[in-house]
Amino acid sequence: MSKENLDLKLSNFFDGIWCQDTERIPCFRMYVGGSWVESSSSELFAVDTPINGKSIAKVPAATTEDVKRAVDSAYSNKERIREIPG
């Protein structure tokens, strides 16, 4: 696979992960039920590196509704989750 094809494949993979942000810091969505989803809140918080304390990414501040959605998804898929090795 050429570098160009690999770059395209990787960029397509990350399309669902990124969310919109006005700063030039990576911003991620939440992974719930096998898909990258937006939080029901627009609030984000910074993830800081312990190396120098600078922000390296932003992640959604999950709401009670988001947590319930994730827990409900995990509970309804518990048999499939149990079969995942590791």
PDB file of N, CA and C in Angstrom:
ATOM      1  N   MET A   1       0.846  -1.172   0.000  1.00  0.00           N
ATOM      2  CA  MET A   1       0.000   0.000   0.000  1.00  0.00           C
ATOM      3  C   MET A   1       0.893   1.237   0.000  1.00  0.00           C
ATOM      4  N   SER A   2       0.600   2.179  -0.868  1.00  0.00           N
ATOM      5  CA  SER A   2       1.409   3.391  -0.948  1.00  0.00           C
ATOM      6  C   SER A   2       1.124   4.289   0.254  1.00  0.00           C
ATOM      7  N   LYS A   3       2.066   5.191   0.532  1.00  0.00           N
ATOM      8  CA  LYS A   3       1.899   6.125   1.644  1.00  0.00           C
ATOM      9  C   LYS A   3       0.644   6.972   1.428  1.00  0.00           C
ATOM     10  N   GLU A   4       0.384   7.376   0.209  1.00  0.00           N
ATOM     11  CA  GLU A   4      -0.789   8.195  -0.089  1.00  0.00           C
ATOM     12  C   GLU A   4      -2.075   7.437   0.244  1.00  0.00           C
ATOM     13  N   ASN A   5      -2.144   6.156  -0.147  1.00  0.00           N
ATOM     14  CA  ASN A   5      -3.328   5.358   0.156  1.00  0.00           C
ATOM     15  C   ASN A   5      -3.478   5.130   1.657  1.00  0.00           C
ATOM     16  N   LEU A   6      -2.344   4.925   2.340  1.00  0.00           N
ATOM     17  CA  LEU A   6      -2.387   4.729   3.781  1.00  0.00           C
ATOM     18  C   LEU A   6      -2.873   6.005   4.467  1.00  0.00           C
ATOM     19  N   ASP A   7      -2.346   7.165   4.045  1.00  0.00           N
ATOM     20  CA  ASP A   7      -2.795   8.428   4.624  1.00  0.00           C
ATOM     21  C   ASP A   7      -4.291   8.611   4.425  1.00  0.00           C
ATOM     22  N   LEU A   8      -4.804   8.289   3.255  1.00  0.00           N
ATOM     23  CA  LEU A   8      -6.226   8.418   2.975  1.00  0.00           C
ATOM     24  C   LEU A   8      -7.035   7.470   3.850  1.00  0.00           C
ATOM     25  N   LYS A   9      -6.543   6.232   3.976  1.00  0.00           N
ATOM     26  CA  LYS A   9      -7.245   5.238   4.790  1.00  0.00           C
ATOM     27  C   LYS A   9      -7.292   5.693   6.248  1.00  0.00           C
ATOM     28  N   LEU A  10      -6.177   6.204   6.775  1.00  0.00           N
ATOM     29  CA  LEU A  10      -6.142   6.669   8.154  1.00  0.00           C
ATOM     30  C   LEU A  10      -7.026   7.894   8.344  1.00  0.00           C
ATOM     31  N   SER A  11      -7.016   8.809   7.377  1.00  0.00           N
ATOM     32  CA  SER A  11      -7.846  10.005   7.520  1.00  0.00           C
ATOM     33  C   SER A  11      -9.324   9.631   7.513  1.00  0.00           C
ATOM     34  N   ASN A  12      -9.711   8.639   6.720  1.00  0.00           N
ATOM     35  CA  ASN A  12     -11.104   8.191   6.722  1.00  0.00           C
ATOM     36  C   ASN A  12     -11.465   7.541   8.057  1.00  0.00           C
ATOM     37  N   PHE A  13     -10.515   6.822   8.649  1.00  0.00           N
ATOM     38  CA  PHE A  13     -10.758   6.176   9.932  1.00  0.00           C
ATOM     39  C   PHE A  13     -11.048   7.211  11.012  1.00  0.00           C
ATOM     40  N   PHE A  14     -10.301   8.299  11.000  1.00  0.00           N
ATOM     41  CA  PHE A  14     -10.438   9.308  12.046  1.00  0.00           C
ATOM     42  C   PHE A  14     -11.594  10.277  11.824  1.00  0.00           C
ATOM     43  N   ASP A  15     -12.247  10.229  10.668  1.00  0.00           N
ATOM     44  CA  ASP A  15     -13.354  11.154  10.397  1.00  0.00           C
ATOM     45  C   ASP A  15     -14.419  11.122  11.476  1.00  0.00           C
ATOM     46  N   GLY A  16     -14.782   9.955  11.955  1.00  0.00           N
ATOM     47  CA  GLY A  16     -15.844   9.849  12.941  1.00  0.00           C
ATOM     48  C   GLY A  16     -15.429  10.195  14.356  1.00  0.00           C
ATOM     49  N   ILE A  17     -14.134  10.293  14.598  1.00  0.00           N
ATOM     50  CA  ILE A  17     -13.630  10.511  15.946  1.00  0.00           C
ATOM     51  C   ILE A  17     -13.570  11.991  16.310  1.00  0.00           C
ATOM     52  N   TRP A  18     -13.219  12.815  15.358  1.00  0.00           N
ATOM     53  CA  TRP A  18     -12.991  14.234  15.619  1.00  0.00           C
ATOM     54  C   TRP A  18     -14.297  14.988  15.775  1.00  0.00           C
ATOM     55  N   CYS A  19     -14.280  16.008  16.609  1.00  0.00           N
ATOM     56  CA  CYS A  19     -15.410  16.920  16.710  1.00  0.00           C
ATOM     57  C   CYS A  19     -14.914  18.326  16.385  1.00  0.00           C
ATOM     58  N   GLN A  20     -15.813  19.229  16.210  1.00  0.00           N
ATOM     59  CA  GLN A  20     -15.453  20.595  15.850  1.00  0.00           C
ATOM     60  C   GLN A  20     -14.916  21.349  17.059  1.00  0.00           C
ATOM     61  N   ASP A  21     -13.873  22.126  16.839  1.00  0.00           N
ATOM     62  CA  ASP A  21     -13.295  22.942  17.896  1.00  0.00           C
ATOM     63  C   ASP A  21     -12.681  24.169  17.240  1.00  0.00           C
ATOM     64  N   THR A  22     -12.690  25.275  17.928  1.00  0.00           N
ATOM     65  CA  THR A  22     -12.147  26.498  17.349  1.00  0.00           C
ATOM     66  C   THR A  22     -10.640  26.597  17.534  1.00  0.00           C
ATOM     67  N   GLU A  23     -10.095  25.855  18.475  1.00  0.00           N
ATOM     68  CA  GLU A  23      -8.650  25.865  18.697  1.00  0.00           C
ATOM     69  C   GLU A  23      -8.000  24.780  17.852  1.00  0.00           C
ATOM     70  N   ARG A  24      -6.701  24.776  17.807  1.00  0.00           N
ATOM     71  CA  ARG A  24      -5.979  23.791  17.009  1.00  0.00           C
ATOM     72  C   ARG A  24      -5.534  22.605  17.870  1.00  0.00           C
ATOM     73  N   ILE A  25      -6.385  22.210  18.791  1.00  0.00           N
ATOM     74  CA  ILE A  25      -6.133  21.063  19.664  1.00  0.00           C
ATOM     75  C   ILE A  25      -7.091  19.957  19.233  1.00  0.00           C
ATOM     76  N   PRO A  26      -6.615  18.714  19.100  1.00  0.00           N
ATOM     77  CA  PRO A  26      -7.534  17.633  18.724  1.00  0.00           C
ATOM     78  C   PRO A  26      -8.702  17.538  19.709  1.00  0.00           C
ATOM     79  N   CYS A  27      -9.852  17.309  19.174  1.00  0.00           N
ATOM     80  CA  CYS A  27     -11.079  17.222  19.956  1.00  0.00           C
ATOM     81  C   CYS A  27     -11.772  15.919  19.553  1.00  0.00           C
ATOM     82  N   PHE A  28     -12.141  15.118  20.519  1.00  0.00           N
ATOM     83  CA  PHE A  28     -12.675  13.793  20.235  1.00  0.00           C
ATOM     84  C   PHE A  28     -14.145  13.667  20.601  1.00  0.00           C
ATOM     85  N   ARG A  29     -14.814  12.725  19.950  1.00  0.00           N
ATOM     86  CA  ARG A  29     -16.187  12.364  20.287  1.00  0.00           C
ATOM     87  C   ARG A  29     -16.147  11.235  21.305  1.00  0.00           C
ATOM     88  N   MET A  30     -17.330  10.784  21.735  1.00  0.00           N
ATOM     89  CA  MET A  30     -17.429   9.657  22.666  1.00  0.00           C
ATOM     90  C   MET A  30     -17.724   8.389  21.872  1.00  0.00           C
ATOM     91  N   TYR A  31     -17.196   7.259  22.349  1.00  0.00           N
ATOM     92  CA  TYR A  31     -17.440   5.969  21.703  1.00  0.00           C
ATOM     93  C   TYR A  31     -18.516   5.237  22.496  1.00  0.00           C
ATOM     94  N   VAL A  32     -19.717   5.145  21.916  1.00  0.00           N
ATOM     95  CA  VAL A  32     -20.853   4.524  22.596  1.00  0.00           C
ATOM     96  C   VAL A  32     -21.562   3.595  21.624  1.00  0.00           C
ATOM     97  N   GLY A  33     -21.791   2.384  22.031  1.00  0.00           N
ATOM     98  CA  GLY A  33     -22.556   1.447  21.219  1.00  0.00           C
ATOM     99  C   GLY A  33     -21.909   1.117  19.883  1.00  0.00           C
ATOM    100  N   GLY A  34     -20.588   1.157  19.832  1.00  0.00           N
ATOM    101  CA  GLY A  34     -19.877   0.807  18.601  1.00  0.00           C
ATOM    102  C   GLY A  34     -19.750   1.948  17.605  1.00  0.00           C
ATOM    103  N   SER A  35     -20.095   3.168  18.024  1.00  0.00           N
ATOM    104  CA  SER A  35     -20.003   4.318  17.118  1.00  0.00           C
ATOM    105  C   SER A  35     -19.452   5.532  17.856  1.00  0.00           C
ATOM    106  N   TRP A  36     -18.809   6.406  17.103  1.00  0.00           N
ATOM    107  CA  TRP A  36     -18.355   7.677  17.650  1.00  0.00           C
ATOM    108  C   TRP A  36     -19.538   8.636  17.619  1.00  0.00           C
ATOM    109  N   VAL A  37     -19.923   9.162  18.774  1.00  0.00           N
ATOM    110  CA  VAL A  37     -21.118  10.002  18.880  1.00  0.00           C
ATOM    111  C   VAL A  37     -20.800  11.329  19.570  1.00  0.00           C
ATOM    112  N   GLU A  38     -21.642  12.307  19.302  1.00  0.00           N
ATOM    113  CA  GLU A  38     -21.528  13.603  19.967  1.00  0.00           C
ATOM    114  C   GLU A  38     -22.133  13.503  21.360  1.00  0.00           C
ATOM    115  N   SER A  39     -21.644  14.300  22.268  1.00  0.00           N
ATOM    116  CA  SER A  39     -22.246  14.414  23.586  1.00  0.00           C
ATOM    117  C   SER A  39     -23.525  15.234  23.455  1.00  0.00           C
ATOM    118  N   SER A  40     -24.443  15.058  24.397  1.00  0.00           N
ATOM    119  CA  SER A  40     -25.645  15.879  24.382  1.00  0.00           C
ATOM    120  C   SER A  40     -25.350  17.285  24.910  1.00  0.00           C
ATOM    121  N   SER A  41     -24.124  17.503  25.362  1.00  0.00           N
ATOM    122  CA  SER A  41     -23.664  18.821  25.807  1.00  0.00           C
ATOM    123  C   SER A  41     -22.541  19.281  24.888  1.00  0.00           C
ATOM    124  N   SER A  42     -22.389  20.561  24.740  1.00  0.00           N
ATOM    125  CA  SER A  42     -21.279  21.075  23.927  1.00  0.00           C
ATOM    126  C   SER A  42     -20.050  21.369  24.781  1.00  0.00           C
ATOM    127  N   GLU A  43     -20.144  21.085  26.075  1.00  0.00           N
ATOM    128  CA  GLU A  43     -19.028  21.361  26.978  1.00  0.00           C
ATOM    129  C   GLU A  43     -17.882  20.370  26.748  1.00  0.00           C
ATOM    130  N   LEU A  44     -16.674  20.901  26.685  1.00  0.00           N
ATOM    131  CA  LEU A  44     -15.469  20.091  26.516  1.00  0.00           C
ATOM    132  C   LEU A  44     -14.527  20.369  27.675  1.00  0.00           C
ATOM    133  N   PHE A  45     -13.669  19.402  27.967  1.00  0.00           N
ATOM    134  CA  PHE A  45     -12.608  19.702  28.913  1.00  0.00           C
ATOM    135  C   PHE A  45     -11.286  19.238  28.353  1.00  0.00           C
ATOM    136  N   ALA A  46     -10.236  19.894  28.820  1.00  0.00           N
ATOM    137  CA  ALA A  46      -8.896  19.654  28.289  1.00  0.00           C
ATOM    138  C   ALA A  46      -8.267  18.415  28.921  1.00  0.00           C
ATOM    139  N   VAL A  47      -7.490  17.721  28.105  1.00  0.00           N
ATOM    140  CA  VAL A  47      -6.653  16.618  28.576  1.00  0.00           C
ATOM    141  C   VAL A  47      -5.228  17.156  28.548  1.00  0.00           C
ATOM    142  N   ASP A  48      -4.616  17.241  29.712  1.00  0.00           N
ATOM    143  CA  ASP A  48      -3.271  17.809  29.819  1.00  0.00           C
ATOM    144  C   ASP A  48      -2.231  16.704  29.937  1.00  0.00           C
ATOM    145  N   THR A  49      -1.074  16.941  29.326  1.00  0.00           N
ATOM    146  CA  THR A  49       0.022  15.987  29.435  1.00  0.00           C
ATOM    147  C   THR A  49       0.786  16.234  30.737  1.00  0.00           C
ATOM    148  N   PRO A  50       1.173  15.168  31.438  1.00  0.00           N
ATOM    149  CA  PRO A  50       1.955  15.358  32.653  1.00  0.00           C
ATOM    150  C   PRO A  50       3.390  15.809  32.369  1.00  0.00           C
ATOM    151  N   ILE A  51       3.789  15.745  31.114  1.00  0.00           N
ATOM    152  CA  ILE A  51       5.160  16.132  30.759  1.00  0.00           C
ATOM    153  C   ILE A  51       5.388  17.618  31.029  1.00  0.00           C
ATOM    154  N   ASN A  52       4.465  18.468  30.543  1.00  0.00           N
ATOM    155  CA  ASN A  52       4.652  19.908  30.721  1.00  0.00           C
ATOM    156  C   ASN A  52       3.360  20.636  31.099  1.00  0.00           C
ATOM    157  N   GLY A  53       2.276  19.879  31.314  1.00  0.00           N
ATOM    158  CA  GLY A  53       1.024  20.482  31.729  1.00  0.00           C
ATOM    159  C   GLY A  53       0.207  21.119  30.621  1.00  0.00           C
ATOM    160  N   LYS A  54       0.674  21.029  29.374  1.00  0.00           N
ATOM    161  CA  LYS A  54      -0.045  21.636  28.258  1.00  0.00           C
ATOM    162  C   LYS A  54      -1.195  20.739  27.802  1.00  0.00           C
ATOM    163  N   SER A  55      -2.224  21.382  27.266  1.00  0.00           N
ATOM    164  CA  SER A  55      -3.372  20.641  26.743  1.00  0.00           C
ATOM    165  C   SER A  55      -2.988  19.956  25.435  1.00  0.00           C
ATOM    166  N   ILE A  56      -3.302  18.660  25.345  1.00  0.00           N
ATOM    167  CA  ILE A  56      -2.989  17.899  24.128  1.00  0.00           C
ATOM    168  C   ILE A  56      -4.248  17.463  23.384  1.00  0.00           C
ATOM    169  N   ALA A  57      -5.409  17.571  24.035  1.00  0.00           N
ATOM    170  CA  ALA A  57      -6.663  17.179  23.397  1.00  0.00           C
ATOM    171  C   ALA A  57      -7.813  17.730  24.225  1.00  0.00           C
ATOM    172  N   LYS A  58      -9.001  17.647  23.628  1.00  0.00           N
ATOM    173  CA  LYS A  58     -10.232  17.976  24.347  1.00  0.00           C
ATOM    174  C   LYS A  58     -11.194  16.820  24.167  1.00  0.00           C
ATOM    175  N   VAL A  59     -11.940  16.547  25.227  1.00  0.00           N
ATOM    176  CA  VAL A  59     -12.928  15.470  25.195  1.00  0.00           C
ATOM    177  C   VAL A  59     -14.250  16.001  25.749  1.00  0.00           C
ATOM    178  N   PRO A  60     -15.366  15.374  25.349  1.00  0.00           N
ATOM    179  CA  PRO A  60     -16.657  15.841  25.832  1.00  0.00           C
ATOM    180  C   PRO A  60     -16.833  15.624  27.327  1.00  0.00           C
ATOM    181  N   ALA A  61     -17.506  16.564  27.952  1.00  0.00           N
ATOM    182  CA  ALA A  61     -17.923  16.399  29.339  1.00  0.00           C
ATOM    183  C   ALA A  61     -19.269  15.684  29.280  1.00  0.00           C
ATOM    184  N   ALA A  62     -19.265  14.392  29.530  1.00  0.00           N
ATOM    185  CA  ALA A  62     -20.482  13.593  29.402  1.00  0.00           C
ATOM    186  C   ALA A  62     -21.543  14.045  30.400  1.00  0.00           C
ATOM    187  N   THR A  63     -22.758  14.090  29.922  1.00  0.00           N
ATOM    188  CA  THR A  63     -23.891  14.436  30.779  1.00  0.00           C
ATOM    189  C   THR A  63     -24.471  13.150  31.369  1.00  0.00           C
ATOM    190  N   THR A  64     -25.416  13.298  32.280  1.00  0.00           N
ATOM    191  CA  THR A  64     -26.110  12.138  32.845  1.00  0.00           C
ATOM    192  C   THR A  64     -26.767  11.332  31.729  1.00  0.00           C
ATOM    193  N   GLU A  65     -27.342  12.023  30.758  1.00  0.00           N
ATOM    194  CA  GLU A  65     -27.973  11.357  29.611  1.00  0.00           C
ATOM    195  C   GLU A  65     -26.950  10.547  28.807  1.00  0.00           C
ATOM    196  N   ASP A  66     -25.751  11.121  28.589  1.00  0.00           N
ATOM    197  CA  ASP A  66     -24.697  10.410  27.854  1.00  0.00           C
ATOM    198  C   ASP A  66     -24.264   9.150  28.596  1.00  0.00           C
ATOM    199  N   VAL A  67     -24.088   9.260  29.904  1.00  0.00           N
ATOM    200  CA  VAL A  67     -23.670   8.109  30.710  1.00  0.00           C
ATOM    201  C   VAL A  67     -24.744   7.030  30.675  1.00  0.00           C
ATOM    202  N   LYS A  68     -26.015   7.428  30.795  1.00  0.00           N
ATOM    203  CA  LYS A  68     -27.107   6.452  30.732  1.00  0.00           C
ATOM    204  C   LYS A  68     -27.108   5.738  29.386  1.00  0.00           C
ATOM    205  N   ARG A  69     -26.894   6.481  28.307  1.00  0.00           N
ATOM    206  CA  ARG A  69     -26.856   5.874  26.968  1.00  0.00           C
ATOM    207  C   ARG A  69     -25.717   4.851  26.876  1.00  0.00           C
ATOM    208  N   ALA A  70     -24.544   5.199  27.416  1.00  0.00           N
ATOM    209  CA  ALA A  70     -23.397   4.286  27.379  1.00  0.00           C
ATOM    210  C   ALA A  70     -23.645   3.044  28.236  1.00  0.00           C
ATOM    211  N   VAL A  71     -24.185   3.230  29.431  1.00  0.00           N
ATOM    212  CA  VAL A  71     -24.460   2.094  30.323  1.00  0.00           C
ATOM    213  C   VAL A  71     -25.529   1.193  29.715  1.00  0.00           C
ATOM    214  N   ASP A  72     -26.597   1.790  29.169  1.00  0.00           N
ATOM    215  CA  ASP A  72     -27.650   0.997  28.533  1.00  0.00           C
ATOM    216  C   ASP A  72     -27.102   0.188  27.364  1.00  0.00           C
ATOM    217  N   SER A  73     -26.220   0.810  26.574  1.00  0.00           N
ATOM    218  CA  SER A  73     -25.620   0.109  25.435  1.00  0.00           C
ATOM    219  C   SER A  73     -24.747  -1.052  25.912  1.00  0.00           C
ATOM    220  N   ALA A  74     -23.933  -0.795  26.941  1.00  0.00           N
ATOM    221  CA  ALA A  74     -23.069  -1.850  27.466  1.00  0.00           C
ATOM    222  C   ALA A  74     -23.902  -2.994  28.047  1.00  0.00           C
ATOM    223  N   TYR A  75     -24.953  -2.651  28.775  1.00  0.00           N
ATOM    224  CA  TYR A  75     -25.792  -3.689  29.377  1.00  0.00           C
ATOM    225  C   TYR A  75     -26.481  -4.538  28.307  1.00  0.00           C
ATOM    226  N   SER A  76     -27.004  -3.882  27.269  1.00  0.00           N
ATOM    227  CA  SER A  76     -27.713  -4.638  26.231  1.00  0.00           C
ATOM    228  C   SER A  76     -26.763  -5.466  25.368  1.00  0.00           C
ATOM    229  N   ASN A  77     -25.472  -5.141  25.407  1.00  0.00           N
ATOM    230  CA  ASN A  77     -24.482  -5.879  24.624  1.00  0.00           C
ATOM    231  C   ASN A  77     -23.541  -6.702  25.500  1.00  0.00           C
ATOM    232  N   LYS A  78     -23.943  -6.970  26.748  1.00  0.00           N
ATOM    233  CA  LYS A  78     -23.027  -7.626  27.683  1.00  0.00           C
ATOM    234  C   LYS A  78     -22.563  -9.000  27.211  1.00  0.00           C
ATOM    235  N   GLU A  79     -23.414  -9.745  26.531  1.00  0.00           N
ATOM    236  CA  GLU A  79     -23.002 -11.068  26.045  1.00  0.00           C
ATOM    237  C   GLU A  79     -21.922 -10.930  24.960  1.00  0.00           C
ATOM    238  N   ARG A  80     -22.117  -9.981  24.066  1.00  0.00           N
ATOM    239  CA  ARG A  80     -21.099  -9.769  23.016  1.00  0.00           C
ATOM    240  C   ARG A  80     -19.809  -9.223  23.602  1.00  0.00           C
ATOM    241  N   ILE A  81     -19.923  -8.335  24.597  1.00  0.00           N
ATOM    242  CA  ILE A  81     -18.738  -7.769  25.241  1.00  0.00           C
ATOM    243  C   ILE A  81     -17.971  -8.870  25.954  1.00  0.00           C
ATOM    244  N   ARG A  82     -18.676  -9.788  26.586  1.00  0.00           N
ATOM    245  CA  ARG A  82     -18.048 -10.877  27.331  1.00  0.00           C
ATOM    246  C   ARG A  82     -17.175 -11.739  26.422  1.00  0.00           C
ATOM    247  N   GLU A  83     -17.524 -11.821  25.135  1.00  0.00           N
ATOM    248  CA  GLU A  83     -16.796 -12.669  24.184  1.00  0.00           C
ATOM    249  C   GLU A  83     -15.547 -12.003  23.621  1.00  0.00           C
ATOM    250  N   ILE A  84     -15.332 -10.713  23.908  1.00  0.00           N
ATOM    251  CA  ILE A  84     -14.159 -10.012  23.399  1.00  0.00           C
ATOM    252  C   ILE A  84     -12.929 -10.506  24.174  1.00  0.00           C
ATOM    253  N   PRO A  85     -11.914 -10.995  23.444  1.00  0.00           N
ATOM    254  CA  PRO A  85     -10.729 -11.495  24.141  1.00  0.00           C
ATOM    255  C   PRO A  85      -9.960 -10.363  24.831  1.00  0.00           C
ATOM    256  N   GLY A  86      -9.285 -10.733  25.919  1.00  0.00           N
ATOM    257  CA  GLY A  86      -8.417  -9.776  26.601  1.00  0.00           C
ATOM    258  C   GLY A  86      -9.023  -9.314  27.802  1.00  0.00           C
TER     259      GLY A  86
END
